[in-house]
């Protein structure tokens, strides 16, 4: 199971919708920023509890990294 669930329209991971942190799933309430790089997508998000996270998806290894802020 991916640690990040996303809306994917014309491409994968257009917009993250939820994440798993410490074995719990949290809905993303707000996307603060989103950036696209040649090797990855990066999002700064806020979850429903008010906490902020940096989410990075690496295209080459097909892997998400979740970093609490």
PDB file of N, CA and C in Angstrom:
ATOM      1  N   UNK A   1       0.853  -1.186   0.000  1.00  0.00           N
ATOM      2  CA  UNK A   1       0.000   0.000   0.000  1.00  0.00           C
ATOM      3  C   UNK A   1       0.895   1.245   0.000  1.00  0.00           C
ATOM      4  N   UNK A   2       0.597   2.168  -0.895  1.00  0.00           N
ATOM      5  CA  UNK A   2       1.361   3.419  -0.943  1.00  0.00           C
ATOM      6  C   UNK A   2       1.095   4.251   0.303  1.00  0.00           C
ATOM      7  N   UNK A   3       2.135   4.916   0.832  1.00  0.00           N
ATOM      8  CA  UNK A   3       1.930   5.773   1.996  1.00  0.00           C
ATOM      9  C   UNK A   3       1.195   7.073   1.667  1.00  0.00           C
ATOM     10  N   UNK A   4       1.069   7.376   0.375  1.00  0.00           N
ATOM     11  CA  UNK A   4       0.368   8.584  -0.062  1.00  0.00           C
ATOM     12  C   UNK A   4      -0.662   8.186  -1.122  1.00  0.00           C
ATOM     13  N   UNK A   5      -1.888   8.623  -0.939  1.00  0.00           N
ATOM     14  CA  UNK A   5      -2.925   8.429  -1.955  1.00  0.00           C
ATOM     15  C   UNK A   5      -3.079   9.739  -2.716  1.00  0.00           C
ATOM     16  N   UNK A   6      -3.314   9.611  -4.018  1.00  0.00           N
ATOM     17  CA  UNK A   6      -3.355  10.801  -4.874  1.00  0.00           C
ATOM     18  C   UNK A   6      -4.510  10.755  -5.846  1.00  0.00           C
ATOM     19  N   UNK A   7      -4.910  11.952  -6.265  1.00  0.00           N
ATOM     20  CA  UNK A   7      -5.756  12.080  -7.442  1.00  0.00           C
ATOM     21  C   UNK A   7      -4.804  12.024  -8.627  1.00  0.00           C
ATOM     22  N   UNK A   8      -5.110  11.187  -9.586  1.00  0.00           N
ATOM     23  CA  UNK A   8      -4.294  11.082 -10.791  1.00  0.00           C
ATOM     24  C   UNK A   8      -5.217  11.168 -11.994  1.00  0.00           C
ATOM     25  N   UNK A   9      -5.121  12.275 -12.695  1.00  0.00           N
ATOM     26  CA  UNK A   9      -5.928  12.469 -13.900  1.00  0.00           C
ATOM     27  C   UNK A   9      -5.126  12.077 -15.119  1.00  0.00           C
ATOM     28  N   UNK A  10      -4.502  13.060 -15.758  1.00  0.00           N
ATOM     29  CA  UNK A  10      -3.710  12.781 -16.960  1.00  0.00           C
ATOM     30  C   UNK A  10      -2.318  12.250 -16.634  1.00  0.00           C
ATOM     31  N   UNK A  11      -1.874  12.391 -15.373  1.00  0.00           N
ATOM     32  CA  UNK A  11      -0.583  11.839 -14.954  1.00  0.00           C
ATOM     33  C   UNK A  11      -0.671  11.398 -13.497  1.00  0.00           C
ATOM     34  N   UNK A  12       0.260  10.555 -13.076  1.00  0.00           N
ATOM     35  CA  UNK A  12       0.241  10.039 -11.708  1.00  0.00           C
ATOM     36  C   UNK A  12       0.598  11.148 -10.720  1.00  0.00           C
ATOM     37  N   UNK A  13      -0.055  11.114  -9.592  1.00  0.00           N
ATOM     38  CA  UNK A  13       0.241  12.006  -8.458  1.00  0.00           C
ATOM     39  C   UNK A  13       0.052  13.478  -8.801  1.00  0.00           C
ATOM     40  N   UNK A  14      -1.078  13.803  -9.402  1.00  0.00           N
ATOM     41  CA  UNK A  14      -1.345  15.215  -9.685  1.00  0.00           C
ATOM     42  C   UNK A  14      -1.613  16.000  -8.413  1.00  0.00           C
ATOM     43  N   UNK A  15      -2.301  15.333  -7.452  1.00  0.00           N
ATOM     44  CA  UNK A  15      -2.655  16.016  -6.199  1.00  0.00           C
ATOM     45  C   UNK A  15      -2.802  14.974  -5.097  1.00  0.00           C
ATOM     46  N   UNK A  16      -1.984  15.066  -4.021  1.00  0.00           N
ATOM     47  CA  UNK A  16      -2.133  14.113  -2.921  1.00  0.00           C
ATOM     48  C   UNK A  16      -3.440  14.363  -2.166  1.00  0.00           C
ATOM     49  N   UNK A  17      -4.086  13.271  -1.732  1.00  0.00           N
ATOM     50  CA  UNK A  17      -5.364  13.395  -1.026  1.00  0.00           C
ATOM     51  C   UNK A  17      -5.293  12.887   0.415  1.00  0.00           C
ATOM     52  N   UNK A  18      -4.378  11.958   0.698  1.00  0.00           N
ATOM     53  CA  UNK A  18      -4.207  11.459   2.066  1.00  0.00           C
ATOM     54  C   UNK A  18      -2.819  10.858   2.209  1.00  0.00           C
ATOM     55  N   UNK A  19      -2.399  10.672   3.468  1.00  0.00           N
ATOM     56  CA  UNK A  19      -1.103  10.064   3.735  1.00  0.00           C
ATOM     57  C   UNK A  19      -1.208   9.176   4.967  1.00  0.00           C
ATOM     58  N   UNK A  20      -0.280   8.236   5.058  1.00  0.00           N
ATOM     59  CA  UNK A  20      -0.189   7.381   6.238  1.00  0.00           C
ATOM     60  C   UNK A  20       1.031   7.822   7.029  1.00  0.00           C
ATOM     61  N   UNK A  21       0.796   8.164   8.301  1.00  0.00           N
ATOM     62  CA  UNK A  21       1.869   8.595   9.190  1.00  0.00           C
ATOM     63  C   UNK A  21       1.685   7.886  10.522  1.00  0.00           C
ATOM     64  N   UNK A  22       2.721   7.209  10.978  1.00  0.00           N
ATOM     65  CA  UNK A  22       2.691   6.458  12.231  1.00  0.00           C
ATOM     66  C   UNK A  22       1.489   5.513  12.271  1.00  0.00           C
ATOM     67  N   UNK A  23       1.318   4.757  11.177  1.00  0.00           N
ATOM     68  CA  UNK A  23       0.285   3.733  11.035  1.00  0.00           C
ATOM     69  C   UNK A  23      -1.150   4.269  11.047  1.00  0.00           C
ATOM     70  N   UNK A  24      -1.332   5.549  10.814  1.00  0.00           N
ATOM     71  CA  UNK A  24      -2.670   6.132  10.725  1.00  0.00           C
ATOM     72  C   UNK A  24      -2.805   6.890   9.416  1.00  0.00           C
ATOM     73  N   UNK A  25      -3.980   6.790   8.823  1.00  0.00           N
ATOM     74  CA  UNK A  25      -4.261   7.530   7.585  1.00  0.00           C
ATOM     75  C   UNK A  25      -4.883   8.874   7.940  1.00  0.00           C
ATOM     76  N   UNK A  26      -4.372   9.932   7.307  1.00  0.00           N
ATOM     77  CA  UNK A  26      -4.866  11.286   7.518  1.00  0.00           C
ATOM     78  C   UNK A  26      -5.241  11.900   6.177  1.00  0.00           C
ATOM     79  N   UNK A  27      -6.382  12.546   6.128  1.00  0.00           N
ATOM     80  CA  UNK A  27      -6.788  13.285   4.935  1.00  0.00           C
ATOM     81  C   UNK A  27      -5.980  14.582   4.858  1.00  0.00           C
ATOM     82  N   UNK A  28      -5.644  14.962   3.655  1.00  0.00           N
ATOM     83  CA  UNK A  28      -4.949  16.228   3.426  1.00  0.00           C
ATOM     84  C   UNK A  28      -6.004  17.311   3.279  1.00  0.00           C
ATOM     85  N   UNK A  29      -5.913  18.325   4.134  1.00  0.00           N
ATOM     86  CA  UNK A  29      -6.917  19.390   4.102  1.00  0.00           C
ATOM     87  C   UNK A  29      -6.506  20.542   3.197  1.00  0.00           C
ATOM     88  N   UNK A  30      -5.188  20.707   2.978  1.00  0.00           N
ATOM     89  CA  UNK A  30      -4.737  21.839   2.166  1.00  0.00           C
ATOM     90  C   UNK A  30      -3.387  21.518   1.532  1.00  0.00           C
ATOM     91  N   UNK A  31      -3.255  21.851   0.260  1.00  0.00           N
ATOM     92  CA  UNK A  31      -1.957  21.764  -0.415  1.00  0.00           C
ATOM     93  C   UNK A  31      -1.375  23.169  -0.408  1.00  0.00           C
ATOM     94  N   UNK A  32      -0.279  23.330   0.302  1.00  0.00           N
ATOM     95  CA  UNK A  32       0.359  24.636   0.440  1.00  0.00           C
ATOM     96  C   UNK A  32       1.148  24.979  -0.825  1.00  0.00           C
ATOM     97  N   UNK A  33       1.902  24.012  -1.338  1.00  0.00           N
ATOM     98  CA  UNK A  33       2.670  24.239  -2.559  1.00  0.00           C
ATOM     99  C   UNK A  33       2.917  22.909  -3.256  1.00  0.00           C
ATOM    100  N   UNK A  34       3.196  22.994  -4.533  1.00  0.00           N
ATOM    101  CA  UNK A  34       3.538  21.822  -5.326  1.00  0.00           C
ATOM    102  C   UNK A  34       4.574  22.204  -6.355  1.00  0.00           C
ATOM    103  N   UNK A  35       5.616  21.388  -6.468  1.00  0.00           N
ATOM    104  CA  UNK A  35       6.699  21.665  -7.410  1.00  0.00           C
ATOM    105  C   UNK A  35       7.007  20.410  -8.213  1.00  0.00           C
ATOM    106  N   UNK A  36       7.390  20.621  -9.455  1.00  0.00           N
ATOM    107  CA  UNK A  36       7.755  19.525 -10.343  1.00  0.00           C
ATOM    108  C   UNK A  36       9.212  19.682 -10.733  1.00  0.00           C
ATOM    109  N   UNK A  37       9.974  18.621 -10.566  1.00  0.00           N
ATOM    110  CA  UNK A  37      11.385  18.566 -10.939  1.00  0.00           C
ATOM    111  C   UNK A  37      11.555  17.424 -11.932  1.00  0.00           C
ATOM    112  N   UNK A  38      12.670  17.366 -12.648  1.00  0.00           N
ATOM    113  CA  UNK A  38      12.849  16.275 -13.617  1.00  0.00           C
ATOM    114  C   UNK A  38      12.754  14.876 -12.992  1.00  0.00           C
ATOM    115  N   UNK A  39      13.173  14.735 -11.749  1.00  0.00           N
ATOM    116  CA  UNK A  39      13.206  13.424 -11.111  1.00  0.00           C
ATOM    117  C   UNK A  39      12.115  13.202 -10.069  1.00  0.00           C
ATOM    118  N   UNK A  40      11.375  14.271  -9.690  1.00  0.00           N
ATOM    119  CA  UNK A  40      10.396  14.102  -8.613  1.00  0.00           C
ATOM    120  C   UNK A  40       9.328  15.182  -8.626  1.00  0.00           C
ATOM    121  N   UNK A  41       8.268  14.888  -7.861  1.00  0.00           N
ATOM    122  CA  UNK A  41       7.247  15.880  -7.526  1.00  0.00           C
ATOM    123  C   UNK A  41       7.350  16.117  -6.028  1.00  0.00           C
ATOM    124  N   UNK A  42       7.140  17.352  -5.612  1.00  0.00           N
ATOM    125  CA  UNK A  42       7.233  17.697  -4.194  1.00  0.00           C
ATOM    126  C   UNK A  42       6.025  18.540  -3.812  1.00  0.00           C
ATOM    127  N   UNK A  43       5.396  18.182  -2.692  1.00  0.00           N
ATOM    128  CA  UNK A  43       4.232  18.895  -2.185  1.00  0.00           C
ATOM    129  C   UNK A  43       4.446  19.242  -0.715  1.00  0.00           C
ATOM    130  N   UNK A  44       4.064  20.435  -0.322  1.00  0.00           N
ATOM    131  CA  UNK A  44       3.951  20.781   1.087  1.00  0.00           C
ATOM    132  C   UNK A  44       2.457  20.795   1.380  1.00  0.00           C
ATOM    133  N   UNK A  45       2.049  20.008   2.399  1.00  0.00           N
ATOM    134  CA  UNK A  45       0.627  19.844   2.671  1.00  0.00           C
ATOM    135  C   UNK A  45       0.331  20.032   4.156  1.00  0.00           C
ATOM    136  N   UNK A  46      -0.940  20.283   4.438  1.00  0.00           N
ATOM    137  CA  UNK A  46      -1.434  20.326   5.807  1.00  0.00           C
ATOM    138  C   UNK A  46      -2.498  19.238   5.926  1.00  0.00           C
ATOM    139  N   UNK A  47      -2.423  18.447   7.007  1.00  0.00           N
ATOM    140  CA  UNK A  47      -3.428  17.413   7.221  1.00  0.00           C
ATOM    141  C   UNK A  47      -4.511  17.954   8.152  1.00  0.00           C
ATOM    142  N   UNK A  48      -5.567  17.170   8.334  1.00  0.00           N
ATOM    143  CA  UNK A  48      -6.737  17.632   9.083  1.00  0.00           C
ATOM    144  C   UNK A  48      -6.427  17.966  10.543  1.00  0.00           C
ATOM    145  N   UNK A  49      -5.355  17.435  11.107  1.00  0.00           N
ATOM    146  CA  UNK A  49      -4.983  17.738  12.495  1.00  0.00           C
ATOM    147  C   UNK A  49      -4.236  19.061  12.616  1.00  0.00           C
ATOM    148  N   UNK A  50      -3.896  19.676  11.475  1.00  0.00           N
ATOM    149  CA  UNK A  50      -3.166  20.941  11.481  1.00  0.00           C
ATOM    150  C   UNK A  50      -1.673  20.784  11.268  1.00  0.00           C
ATOM    151  N   UNK A  51      -1.173  19.554  11.240  1.00  0.00           N
ATOM    152  CA  UNK A  51       0.254  19.321  11.043  1.00  0.00           C
ATOM    153  C   UNK A  51       0.624  19.484   9.569  1.00  0.00           C
ATOM    154  N   UNK A  52       1.893  19.843   9.344  1.00  0.00           N
ATOM    155  CA  UNK A  52       2.405  20.046   7.987  1.00  0.00           C
ATOM    156  C   UNK A  52       3.418  18.957   7.642  1.00  0.00           C
ATOM    157  N   UNK A  53       3.407  18.565   6.349  1.00  0.00           N
ATOM    158  CA  UNK A  53       4.325  17.547   5.863  1.00  0.00           C
ATOM    159  C   UNK A  53       4.859  17.934   4.494  1.00  0.00           C
ATOM    160  N   UNK A  54       6.066  17.467   4.216  1.00  0.00           N
ATOM    161  CA  UNK A  54       6.648  17.555   2.887  1.00  0.00           C
ATOM    162  C   UNK A  54       6.535  16.163   2.283  1.00  0.00           C
ATOM    163  N   UNK A  55       5.931  16.076   1.105  1.00  0.00           N
ATOM    164  CA  UNK A  55       5.770  14.810   0.400  1.00  0.00           C
ATOM    165  C   UNK A  55       6.586  14.872  -0.880  1.00  0.00           C
ATOM    166  N   UNK A  56       7.415  13.861  -1.101  1.00  0.00           N
ATOM    167  CA  UNK A  56       8.200  13.792  -2.331  1.00  0.00           C
ATOM    168  C   UNK A  56       7.970  12.451  -3.003  1.00  0.00           C
ATOM    169  N   UNK A  57       7.661  12.514  -4.293  1.00  0.00           N
ATOM    170  CA  UNK A  57       7.520  11.294  -5.080  1.00  0.00           C
ATOM    171  C   UNK A  57       8.640  11.251  -6.104  1.00  0.00           C
ATOM    172  N   UNK A  58       9.476  10.200  -6.034  1.00  0.00           N
ATOM    173  CA  UNK A  58      10.590  10.023  -6.957  1.00  0.00           C
ATOM    174  C   UNK A  58      10.120   9.158  -8.129  1.00  0.00           C
ATOM    175  N   UNK A  59      10.158   9.720  -9.349  1.00  0.00           N
ATOM    176  CA  UNK A  59       9.715   9.010 -10.547  1.00  0.00           C
ATOM    177  C   UNK A  59      10.552   7.770 -10.825  1.00  0.00           C
ATOM    178  N   UNK A  60      11.865   7.880 -10.637  1.00  0.00           N
ATOM    179  CA  UNK A  60      12.783   6.824 -11.055  1.00  0.00           C
ATOM    180  C   UNK A  60      12.703   5.572 -10.186  1.00  0.00           C
ATOM    181  N   UNK A  61      12.456   5.747  -8.899  1.00  0.00           N
ATOM    182  CA  UNK A  61      12.375   4.573  -8.018  1.00  0.00           C
ATOM    183  C   UNK A  61      10.941   4.293  -7.566  1.00  0.00           C
ATOM    184  N   UNK A  62       9.984   5.093  -8.055  1.00  0.00           N
ATOM    185  CA  UNK A  62       8.564   4.899  -7.749  1.00  0.00           C
ATOM    186  C   UNK A  62       8.345   4.812  -6.237  1.00  0.00           C
ATOM    187  N   UNK A  63       8.796   5.858  -5.536  1.00  0.00           N
ATOM    188  CA  UNK A  63       8.728   5.832  -4.071  1.00  0.00           C
ATOM    189  C   UNK A  63       8.388   7.205  -3.497  1.00  0.00           C
ATOM    190  N   UNK A  64       7.544   7.173  -2.461  1.00  0.00           N
ATOM    191  CA  UNK A  64       7.187   8.378  -1.717  1.00  0.00           C
ATOM    192  C   UNK A  64       8.066   8.505  -0.480  1.00  0.00           C
ATOM    193  N   UNK A  65       8.399   9.753  -0.136  1.00  0.00           N
ATOM    194  CA  UNK A  65       9.061  10.085   1.123  1.00  0.00           C
ATOM    195  C   UNK A  65       8.162  11.087   1.823  1.00  0.00           C
ATOM    196  N   UNK A  66       7.918  10.857   3.119  1.00  0.00           N
ATOM    197  CA  UNK A  66       7.088  11.753   3.933  1.00  0.00           C
ATOM    198  C   UNK A  66       7.953  12.336   5.023  1.00  0.00           C
ATOM    199  N   UNK A  67       8.012  13.669   5.095  1.00  0.00           N
ATOM    200  CA  UNK A  67       8.837  14.362   6.081  1.00  0.00           C
ATOM    201  C   UNK A  67       7.960  15.305   6.875  1.00  0.00           C
ATOM    202  N   UNK A  68       7.865  15.113   8.198  1.00  0.00           N
ATOM    203  CA  UNK A  68       7.082  16.056   9.013  1.00  0.00           C
ATOM    204  C   UNK A  68       7.802  17.391   9.095  1.00  0.00           C
ATOM    205  N   UNK A  69       7.048  18.469   9.087  1.00  0.00           N
ATOM    206  CA  UNK A  69       7.651  19.822   9.173  1.00  0.00           C
ATOM    207  C   UNK A  69       7.362  20.445  10.517  1.00  0.00           C
TER     208      UNK A  69
END
